[in-house]
PDB file of N, CA and C in Angstrom:
ATOM      1  N   MET A   1       0.847  -1.173   0.000  1.00  0.00           N
ATOM      2  CA  MET A   1       0.000   0.000   0.000  1.00  0.00           C
ATOM      3  C   MET A   1       0.894   1.237   0.000  1.00  0.00           C
ATOM      4  N   ASN A   2       0.526   2.208  -0.811  1.00  0.00           N
ATOM      5  CA  ASN A   2       1.328   3.417  -0.954  1.00  0.00           C
ATOM      6  C   ASN A   2       1.155   4.345   0.238  1.00  0.00           C
ATOM      7  N   LYS A   3       2.228   5.018   0.603  1.00  0.00           N
ATOM      8  CA  LYS A   3       2.197   6.017   1.668  1.00  0.00           C
ATOM      9  C   LYS A   3       2.163   7.386   0.999  1.00  0.00           C
ATOM     10  N   PHE A   4       1.070   8.109   1.190  1.00  0.00           N
ATOM     11  CA  PHE A   4       0.902   9.435   0.619  1.00  0.00           C
ATOM     12  C   PHE A   4       0.766  10.451   1.732  1.00  0.00           C
ATOM     13  N   THR A   5       1.202  11.685   1.459  1.00  0.00           N
ATOM     14  CA  THR A   5       0.916  12.778   2.369  1.00  0.00           C
ATOM     15  C   THR A   5      -0.549  13.161   2.189  1.00  0.00           C
ATOM     16  N   ASP A   6      -1.060  13.990   3.087  1.00  0.00           N
ATOM     17  CA  ASP A   6      -2.453  14.423   2.975  1.00  0.00           C
ATOM     18  C   ASP A   6      -2.703  15.151   1.652  1.00  0.00           C
ATOM     19  N   GLU A   7      -1.761  15.987   1.241  1.00  0.00           N
ATOM     20  CA  GLU A   7      -1.911  16.711  -0.027  1.00  0.00           C
ATOM     21  C   GLU A   7      -1.898  15.750  -1.219  1.00  0.00           C
ATOM     22  N   GLU A   8      -1.023  14.757  -1.185  1.00  0.00           N
ATOM     23  CA  GLU A   8      -0.983  13.763  -2.267  1.00  0.00           C
ATOM     24  C   GLU A   8      -2.269  12.933  -2.305  1.00  0.00           C
ATOM     25  N   LYS A   9      -2.808  12.615  -1.128  1.00  0.00           N
ATOM     26  CA  LYS A   9      -4.086  11.900  -1.075  1.00  0.00           C
ATOM     27  C   LYS A   9      -5.196  12.732  -1.699  1.00  0.00           C
ATOM     28  N   HIS A  10      -5.227  14.003  -1.355  1.00  0.00           N
ATOM     29  CA  HIS A  10      -6.244  14.905  -1.895  1.00  0.00           C
ATOM     30  C   HIS A  10      -6.135  14.997  -3.417  1.00  0.00           C
ATOM     31  N   GLN A  11      -4.920  15.161  -3.922  1.00  0.00           N
ATOM     32  CA  GLN A  11      -4.712  15.242  -5.368  1.00  0.00           C
ATOM     33  C   GLN A  11      -5.108  13.940  -6.062  1.00  0.00           C
ATOM     34  N   GLN A  12      -4.807  12.811  -5.463  1.00  0.00           N
ATOM     35  CA  GLN A  12      -5.165  11.515  -6.045  1.00  0.00           C
ATOM     36  C   GLN A  12      -6.677  11.331  -6.083  1.00  0.00           C
ATOM     37  N   ILE A  13      -7.346  11.731  -5.011  1.00  0.00           N
ATOM     38  CA  ILE A  13      -8.807  11.624  -4.972  1.00  0.00           C
ATOM     39  C   ILE A  13      -9.420  12.490  -6.062  1.00  0.00           C
ATOM     40  N   LEU A  14      -8.933  13.707  -6.226  1.00  0.00           N
ATOM     41  CA  LEU A  14      -9.444  14.581  -7.287  1.00  0.00           C
ATOM     42  C   LEU A  14      -9.202  13.985  -8.669  1.00  0.00           C
ATOM     43  N   ARG A  15      -8.038  13.380  -8.878  1.00  0.00           N
ATOM     44  CA  ARG A  15      -7.718  12.743 -10.163  1.00  0.00           C
ATOM     45  C   ARG A  15      -8.692  11.597 -10.439  1.00  0.00           C
ATOM     46  N   GLU A  16      -8.986  10.804  -9.421  1.00  0.00           N
ATOM     47  CA  GLU A  16      -9.913   9.687  -9.580  1.00  0.00           C
ATOM     48  C   GLU A  16     -11.335  10.179  -9.858  1.00  0.00           C
ATOM     49  N   VAL A  17     -11.757  11.236  -9.175  1.00  0.00           N
ATOM     50  CA  VAL A  17     -13.093  11.789  -9.393  1.00  0.00           C
ATOM     51  C   VAL A  17     -13.221  12.332 -10.811  1.00  0.00           C
ATOM     52  N   LYS A  18     -12.223  13.082 -11.266  1.00  0.00           N
ATOM     53  CA  LYS A  18     -12.276  13.651 -12.618  1.00  0.00           C
ATOM     54  C   LYS A  18     -12.325  12.549 -13.676  1.00  0.00           C
ATOM     55  N   ALA A  19     -11.502  11.531 -13.520  1.00  0.00           N
ATOM     56  CA  ALA A  19     -11.489  10.433 -14.490  1.00  0.00           C
ATOM     57  C   ALA A  19     -12.826   9.700 -14.494  1.00  0.00           C
ATOM     58  N   THR A  20     -13.416   9.499 -13.334  1.00  0.00           N
ATOM     59  CA  THR A  20     -14.712   8.831 -13.244  1.00  0.00           C
ATOM     60  C   THR A  20     -15.800   9.677 -13.890  1.00  0.00           C
ATOM     61  N   MET A  21     -15.782  10.977 -13.671  1.00  0.00           N
ATOM     62  CA  MET A  21     -16.778  11.855 -14.281  1.00  0.00           C
ATOM     63  C   MET A  21     -16.639  11.884 -15.801  1.00  0.00           C
ATOM     64  N   ILE A  22     -15.427  11.831 -16.307  1.00  0.00           N
ATOM     65  CA  ILE A  22     -15.219  11.771 -17.758  1.00  0.00           C
ATOM     66  C   ILE A  22     -15.806  10.480 -18.319  1.00  0.00           C
ATOM     67  N   LEU A  23     -15.578   9.366 -17.636  1.00  0.00           N
ATOM     68  CA  LEU A  23     -16.149   8.094 -18.081  1.00  0.00           C
ATOM     69  C   LEU A  23     -17.679   8.146 -18.061  1.00  0.00           C
ATOM     70  N   ILE A  24     -18.260   8.731 -17.028  1.00  0.00           N
ATOM     71  CA  ILE A  24     -19.717   8.858 -16.950  1.00  0.00           C
ATOM     72  C   ILE A  24     -20.243   9.693 -18.115  1.00  0.00           C
ATOM     73  N   ALA A  25     -19.557  10.785 -18.438  1.00  0.00           N
ATOM     74  CA  ALA A  25     -19.985  11.637 -19.548  1.00  0.00           C
ATOM     75  C   ALA A  25     -19.910  10.889 -20.878  1.00  0.00           C
ATOM     76  N   ILE A  26     -18.865  10.099 -21.067  1.00  0.00           N
ATOM     77  CA  ILE A  26     -18.721   9.321 -22.298  1.00  0.00           C
ATOM     78  C   ILE A  26     -19.842   8.296 -22.418  1.00  0.00           C
ATOM     79  N   VAL A  27     -20.118   7.576 -21.345  1.00  0.00           N
ATOM     80  CA  VAL A  27     -21.175   6.555 -21.370  1.00  0.00           C
ATOM     81  C   VAL A  27     -22.541   7.210 -21.598  1.00  0.00           C
ATOM     82  N   ALA A  28     -22.814   8.325 -20.934  1.00  0.00           N
ATOM     83  CA  ALA A  28     -24.097   9.003 -21.115  1.00  0.00           C
ATOM     84  C   ALA A  28     -24.246   9.516 -22.542  1.00  0.00           C
ATOM     85  N   ALA A  29     -23.188  10.103 -23.096  1.00  0.00           N
ATOM     86  CA  ALA A  29     -23.245  10.599 -24.477  1.00  0.00           C
ATOM     87  C   ALA A  29     -23.495   9.450 -25.450  1.00  0.00           C
ATOM     88  N   TRP A  30     -22.832   8.322 -25.240  1.00  0.00           N
ATOM     89  CA  TRP A  30     -23.047   7.143 -26.086  1.00  0.00           C
ATOM     90  C   TRP A  30     -24.506   6.681 -26.004  1.00  0.00           C
ATOM     91  N   HIS A  31     -24.985   6.508 -24.785  1.00  0.00           N
ATOM     92  CA  HIS A  31     -26.330   5.977 -24.562  1.00  0.00           C
ATOM     93  C   HIS A  31     -27.402   6.898 -25.152  1.00  0.00           C
ATOM     94  N   ILE A  32     -27.331   8.176 -24.840  1.00  0.00           N
ATOM     95  CA  ILE A  32     -28.326   9.130 -25.325  1.00  0.00           C
ATOM     96  C   ILE A  32     -28.174   9.362 -26.827  1.00  0.00           C
ATOM     97  N   GLY A  33     -26.937   9.518 -27.273  1.00  0.00           N
ATOM     98  CA  GLY A  33     -26.689   9.789 -28.685  1.00  0.00           C
ATOM     99  C   GLY A  33     -27.190   8.689 -29.602  1.00  0.00           C
ATOM    100  N   PHE A  34     -26.808   7.460 -29.325  1.00  0.00           N
ATOM    101  CA  PHE A  34     -27.261   6.357 -30.173  1.00  0.00           C
ATOM    102  C   PHE A  34     -28.730   6.022 -29.957  1.00  0.00           C
ATOM    103  N   GLY A  35     -29.249   6.292 -28.770  1.00  0.00           N
ATOM    104  CA  GLY A  35     -30.669   6.079 -28.533  1.00  0.00           C
ATOM    105  C   GLY A  35     -31.529   6.947 -29.438  1.00  0.00           C
ATOM    106  N   PHE A  36     -31.154   8.210 -29.599  1.00  0.00           N
ATOM    107  CA  PHE A  36     -31.902   9.107 -30.469  1.00  0.00           C
ATOM    108  C   PHE A  36     -31.504   8.968 -31.933  1.00  0.00           C
ATOM    109  N   ALA A  37     -30.229   8.756 -32.201  1.00  0.00           N
ATOM    110  CA  ALA A  37     -29.758   8.698 -33.589  1.00  0.00           C
ATOM    111  C   ALA A  37     -30.303   7.493 -34.348  1.00  0.00           C
ATOM    112  N   LEU A  38     -30.486   6.380 -33.678  1.00  0.00           N
ATOM    113  CA  LEU A  38     -30.936   5.161 -34.352  1.00  0.00           C
ATOM    114  C   LEU A  38     -32.421   4.882 -34.135  1.00  0.00           C
ATOM    115  N   ASP A  39     -33.163   5.843 -33.622  1.00  0.00           N
ATOM    116  CA  ASP A  39     -34.563   5.627 -33.274  1.00  0.00           C
ATOM    117  C   ASP A  39     -35.433   5.270 -34.482  1.00  0.00           C
ATOM    118  N   GLY A  40     -35.217   5.870 -35.620  1.00  0.00           N
ATOM    119  CA  GLY A  40     -36.081   5.656 -36.767  1.00  0.00           C
ATOM    120  C   GLY A  40     -35.750   4.435 -37.614  1.00  0.00           C
ATOM    121  N   ILE A  41     -34.707   3.699 -37.256  1.00  0.00           N
ATOM    122  CA  ILE A  41     -34.280   2.551 -38.050  1.00  0.00           C
ATOM    123  C   ILE A  41     -35.029   1.307 -37.578  1.00  0.00           C
ATOM    124  N   ASP A  42     -35.679   0.610 -38.530  1.00  0.00           N
ATOM    125  CA  ASP A  42     -36.481  -0.572 -38.194  1.00  0.00           C
ATOM    126  C   ASP A  42     -35.687  -1.866 -38.334  1.00  0.00           C
ATOM    127  N   VAL A  43     -34.569  -1.958 -37.673  1.00  0.00           N
ATOM    128  CA  VAL A  43     -33.725  -3.153 -37.696  1.00  0.00           C
ATOM    129  C   VAL A  43     -33.794  -3.793 -36.318  1.00  0.00           C
ATOM    130  N   LEU A  44     -33.927  -5.111 -36.285  1.00  0.00           N
ATOM    131  CA  LEU A  44     -33.960  -5.836 -35.020  1.00  0.00           C
ATOM    132  C   LEU A  44     -32.680  -6.642 -34.843  1.00  0.00           C
ATOM    133  N   VAL A  45     -32.139  -6.614 -33.651  1.00  0.00           N
ATOM    134  CA  VAL A  45     -30.967  -7.416 -33.289  1.00  0.00           C
ATOM    135  C   VAL A  45     -31.369  -8.231 -32.060  1.00  0.00           C
ATOM    136  N   LEU A  46     -31.386  -9.536 -32.207  1.00  0.00           N
ATOM    137  CA  LEU A  46     -31.812 -10.431 -31.125  1.00  0.00           C
ATOM    138  C   LEU A  46     -33.194 -10.060 -30.605  1.00  0.00           C
ATOM    139  N   GLY A  47     -34.082  -9.648 -31.510  1.00  0.00           N
ATOM    140  CA  GLY A  47     -35.441  -9.311 -31.150  1.00  0.00           C
ATOM    141  C   GLY A  47     -35.623  -7.929 -30.559  1.00  0.00           C
ATOM    142  N   MET A  48     -34.540  -7.148 -30.474  1.00  0.00           N
ATOM    143  CA  MET A  48     -34.623  -5.798 -29.914  1.00  0.00           C
ATOM    144  C   MET A  48     -34.348  -4.789 -31.019  1.00  0.00           C
ATOM    145  N   PRO A  49     -34.944  -3.588 -30.910  1.00  0.00           N
ATOM    146  CA  PRO A  49     -34.636  -2.552 -31.904  1.00  0.00           C
ATOM    147  C   PRO A  49     -33.145  -2.215 -31.869  1.00  0.00           C
ATOM    148  N   LEU A  50     -32.620  -1.816 -33.016  1.00  0.00           N
ATOM    149  CA  LEU A  50     -31.192  -1.505 -33.115  1.00  0.00           C
ATOM    150  C   LEU A  50     -30.776  -0.414 -32.136  1.00  0.00           C
ATOM    151  N   TRP A  51     -31.622   0.626 -31.985  1.00  0.00           N
ATOM    152  CA  TRP A  51     -31.256   1.724 -31.089  1.00  0.00           C
ATOM    153  C   TRP A  51     -31.086   1.231 -29.654  1.00  0.00           C
ATOM    154  N   PHE A  52     -31.954   0.329 -29.210  1.00  0.00           N
ATOM    155  CA  PHE A  52     -31.847  -0.198 -27.847  1.00  0.00           C
ATOM    156  C   PHE A  52     -30.590  -1.048 -27.692  1.00  0.00           C
ATOM    157  N   PHE A  53     -30.364  -1.907 -28.659  1.00  0.00           N
ATOM    158  CA  PHE A  53     -29.216  -2.810 -28.580  1.00  0.00           C
ATOM    159  C   PHE A  53     -27.903  -2.025 -28.549  1.00  0.00           C
ATOM    160  N   VAL A  54     -27.746  -1.089 -29.497  1.00  0.00           N
ATOM    161  CA  VAL A  54     -26.485  -0.335 -29.580  1.00  0.00           C
ATOM    162  C   VAL A  54     -26.315   0.590 -28.374  1.00  0.00           C
ATOM    163  N   SER A  55     -27.373   1.302 -27.986  1.00  0.00           N
ATOM    164  CA  SER A  55     -27.201   2.272 -26.900  1.00  0.00           C
ATOM    165  C   SER A  55     -27.038   1.591 -25.542  1.00  0.00           C
ATOM    166  N   THR A  56     -27.861   0.590 -25.258  1.00  0.00           N
ATOM    167  CA  THR A  56     -27.821  -0.029 -23.938  1.00  0.00           C
ATOM    168  C   THR A  56     -26.673  -1.021 -23.789  1.00  0.00           C
ATOM    169  N   ILE A  57     -26.579  -1.955 -24.713  1.00  0.00           N
ATOM    170  CA  ILE A  57     -25.496  -2.939 -24.638  1.00  0.00           C
ATOM    171  C   ILE A  57     -24.143  -2.255 -24.830  1.00  0.00           C
ATOM    172  N   GLY A  58     -24.097  -1.292 -25.749  1.00  0.00           N
ATOM    173  CA  GLY A  58     -22.854  -0.540 -25.967  1.00  0.00           C
ATOM    174  C   GLY A  58     -22.430   0.237 -24.739  1.00  0.00           C
ATOM    175  N   ALA A  59     -23.391   0.884 -24.074  1.00  0.00           N
ATOM    176  CA  ALA A  59     -23.072   1.635 -22.857  1.00  0.00           C
ATOM    177  C   ALA A  59     -22.553   0.706 -21.765  1.00  0.00           C
ATOM    178  N   PHE A  60     -23.143  -0.490 -21.661  1.00  0.00           N
ATOM    179  CA  PHE A  60     -22.672  -1.456 -20.670  1.00  0.00           C
ATOM    180  C   PHE A  60     -21.227  -1.876 -20.959  1.00  0.00           C
ATOM    181  N   VAL A  61     -20.946  -2.190 -22.208  1.00  0.00           N
ATOM    182  CA  VAL A  61     -19.587  -2.624 -22.581  1.00  0.00           C
ATOM    183  C   VAL A  61     -18.587  -1.494 -22.342  1.00  0.00           C
ATOM    184  N   ILE A  62     -18.938  -0.274 -22.742  1.00  0.00           N
ATOM    185  CA  ILE A  62     -18.045   0.863 -22.524  1.00  0.00           C
ATOM    186  C   ILE A  62     -17.821   1.075 -21.026  1.00  0.00           C
ATOM    187  N   SER A  63     -18.859   0.915 -20.223  1.00  0.00           N
ATOM    188  CA  SER A  63     -18.725   1.079 -18.769  1.00  0.00           C
ATOM    189  C   SER A  63     -17.753   0.067 -18.173  1.00  0.00           C
ATOM    190  N   VAL A  64     -17.912  -1.192 -18.543  1.00  0.00           N
ATOM    191  CA  VAL A  64     -17.050  -2.242 -17.990  1.00  0.00           C
ATOM    192  C   VAL A  64     -15.603  -2.034 -18.424  1.00  0.00           C
ATOM    193  N   VAL A  65     -15.395  -1.786 -19.710  1.00  0.00           N
ATOM    194  CA  VAL A  65     -14.035  -1.563 -20.206  1.00  0.00           C
ATOM    195  C   VAL A  65     -13.446  -0.303 -19.579  1.00  0.00           C
ATOM    196  N   GLY A  66     -14.253   0.747 -19.458  1.00  0.00           N
ATOM    197  CA  GLY A  66     -13.779   1.990 -18.858  1.00  0.00           C
ATOM    198  C   GLY A  66     -13.356   1.830 -17.412  1.00  0.00           C
ATOM    199  N   VAL A  67     -14.135   1.080 -16.636  1.00  0.00           N
ATOM    200  CA  VAL A  67     -13.780   0.849 -15.236  1.00  0.00           C
ATOM    201  C   VAL A  67     -12.480   0.056 -15.134  1.00  0.00           C
ATOM    202  N   ILE A  68     -12.317  -0.940 -15.979  1.00  0.00           N
ATOM    203  CA  ILE A  68     -11.067  -1.717 -15.971  1.00  0.00           C
ATOM    204  C   ILE A  68      -9.876  -0.817 -16.289  1.00  0.00           C
ATOM    205  N   VAL A  69     -10.034   0.042 -17.296  1.00  0.00           N
ATOM    206  CA  VAL A  69      -8.949   0.971 -17.657  1.00  0.00           C
ATOM    207  C   VAL A  69      -8.657   1.926 -16.504  1.00  0.00           C
ATOM    208  N   LEU A  70      -9.694   2.464 -15.878  1.00  0.00           N
ATOM    209  CA  LEU A  70      -9.477   3.373 -14.745  1.00  0.00           C
ATOM    210  C   LEU A  70      -8.766   2.668 -13.598  1.00  0.00           C
ATOM    211  N   LEU A  71      -9.163   1.447 -13.303  1.00  0.00           N
ATOM    212  CA  LEU A  71      -8.532   0.719 -12.201  1.00  0.00           C
ATOM    213  C   LEU A  71      -7.057   0.439 -12.471  1.00  0.00           C
ATOM    214  N   LYS A  72      -6.717   0.194 -13.723  1.00  0.00           N
ATOM    215  CA  LYS A  72      -5.326  -0.129 -14.045  1.00  0.00           C
ATOM    216  C   LYS A  72      -4.455   1.107 -14.224  1.00  0.00           C
ATOM    217  N   THR A  73      -5.042   2.259 -14.581  1.00  0.00           N
ATOM    218  CA  THR A  73      -4.228   3.427 -14.908  1.00  0.00           C
ATOM    219  C   THR A  73      -4.363   4.590 -13.930  1.00  0.00           C
ATOM    220  N   VAL A  74      -5.547   4.830 -13.383  1.00  0.00           N
ATOM    221  CA  VAL A  74      -5.773   6.047 -12.599  1.00  0.00           C
ATOM    222  C   VAL A  74      -5.834   5.773 -11.100  1.00  0.00           C
ATOM    223  N   PHE A  75      -6.574   4.776 -10.697  1.00  0.00           N
ATOM    224  CA  PHE A  75      -6.814   4.531  -9.284  1.00  0.00           C
ATOM    225  C   PHE A  75      -5.575   3.965  -8.591  1.00  0.00           C
ATOM    226  N   LYS A  76      -5.340   4.425  -7.365  1.00  0.00           N
ATOM    227  CA  LYS A  76      -4.229   3.958  -6.534  1.00  0.00           C
ATOM    228  C   LYS A  76      -4.790   3.468  -5.212  1.00  0.00           C
ATOM    229  N   ASP A  77      -4.143   2.459  -4.639  1.00  0.00           N
ATOM    230  CA  ASP A  77      -4.555   1.927  -3.354  1.00  0.00           C
ATOM    231  C   ASP A  77      -3.795   2.649  -2.248  1.00  0.00           C
ATOM    232  N   PHE A  78      -4.540   3.357  -1.389  1.00  0.00           N
ATOM    233  CA  PHE A  78      -3.920   4.019  -0.247  1.00  0.00           C
ATOM    234  C   PHE A  78      -4.932   4.109   0.884  1.00  0.00           C
ATOM    235  N   ASP A  79      -4.422   4.270   2.099  1.00  0.00           N
ATOM    236  CA  ASP A  79      -5.259   4.335   3.288  1.00  0.00           C
ATOM    237  C   ASP A  79      -5.686   5.784   3.514  1.00  0.00           C
ATOM    238  N   LEU A  80      -6.984   6.014   3.695  1.00  0.00           N
ATOM    239  CA  LEU A  80      -7.468   7.371   3.927  1.00  0.00           C
ATOM    240  C   LEU A  80      -7.184   7.846   5.345  1.00  0.00           C
ATOM    241  N   GLY A  81      -7.127   6.936   6.302  1.00  0.00           N
ATOM    242  CA  GLY A  81      -6.868   7.307   7.691  1.00  0.00           C
ATOM    243  C   GLY A  81      -5.412   7.101   8.051  1.00  0.00           C
ATOM    244  N   GLU A  82      -5.090   7.422   9.294  1.00  0.00           N
ATOM    245  CA  GLU A  82      -3.740   7.195   9.788  1.00  0.00           C
ATOM    246  C   GLU A  82      -3.657   5.794  10.367  1.00  0.00           C
ATOM    247  N   ASP A  83      -2.455   5.216  10.375  1.00  0.00           N
ATOM    248  CA  ASP A  83      -2.261   3.899  10.979  1.00  0.00           C
ATOM    249  C   ASP A  83      -2.461   3.976  12.482  1.00  0.00           C
ATOM    250  N   ALA A  84      -2.914   2.894  13.076  1.00  0.00           N
ATOM    251  CA  ALA A  84      -3.183   2.862  14.512  1.00  0.00           C
ATOM    252  C   ALA A  84      -1.920   3.137  15.316  1.00  0.00           C
ATOM    253  N   ASP A  85      -0.768   2.586  14.881  1.00  0.00           N
ATOM    254  CA  ASP A  85       0.464   2.794  15.640  1.00  0.00           C
ATOM    255  C   ASP A  85       0.984   4.217  15.513  1.00  0.00           C
ATOM    256  N   GLU A  86       0.639   4.942  14.439  1.00  0.00           N
ATOM    257  CA  GLU A  86       1.014   6.331  14.320  1.00  0.00           C
ATOM    258  C   GLU A  86       0.181   7.204  15.267  1.00  0.00           C
ATOM    259  N   GLN A  87      -1.084   6.835  15.465  1.00  0.00           N
ATOM    260  CA  GLN A  87      -1.970   7.604  16.329  1.00  0.00           C
ATOM    261  C   GLN A  87      -1.599   7.433  17.799  1.00  0.00           C
ATOM    262  N   GLU A  88      -1.121   6.269  18.165  1.00  0.00           N
ATOM    263  CA  GLU A  88      -0.847   5.983  19.580  1.00  0.00           C
ATOM    264  C   GLU A  88       0.630   6.088  19.912  1.00  0.00           C
ATOM    265  N   GLY A  89       1.395   6.702  19.073  1.00  0.00           N
ATOM    266  CA  GLY A  89       2.804   6.901  19.362  1.00  0.00           C
ATOM    267  C   GLY A  89       3.646   5.654  19.187  1.00  0.00           C
ATOM    268  N   GLY A  90       3.249   4.738  18.332  1.00  0.00           N
ATOM    269  CA  GLY A  90       4.033   3.552  18.044  1.00  0.00           C
ATOM    270  C   GLY A  90       3.675   2.335  18.853  1.00  0.00           C
ATOM    271  N   GLU A  91       2.804   2.482  19.856  1.00  0.00           N
ATOM    272  CA  GLU A  91       2.392   1.351  20.657  1.00  0.00           C
ATOM    273  C   GLU A  91       1.054   0.823  20.152  1.00  0.00           C
ATOM    274  N   VAL A  92       0.936  -0.498  20.137  1.00  0.00           N
ATOM    275  CA  VAL A  92      -0.318  -1.095  19.669  1.00  0.00           C
ATOM    276  C   VAL A  92      -1.057  -1.718  20.821  1.00  0.00           C
TER     277      VAL A  92
END
């Protein structure tokens, strides 16, 4: 587990929040955009309209892949609190 200062923890949390919000915006744009863009097309995929299949299934796939990418590239494992031995002066 990484040891960060309070300022480094704050910066890391902000980085994670920004990256997550960008992913949410991408997924929402995909879902809404393809939902409206493909609405008038009468094509069925697995018994569902094309707009539903592309917007919903596509948004799910983008979400899963996006979370995996965020976990591997942006998110860091660190403790938000102080260690017990640091709080009690080294005694447990």
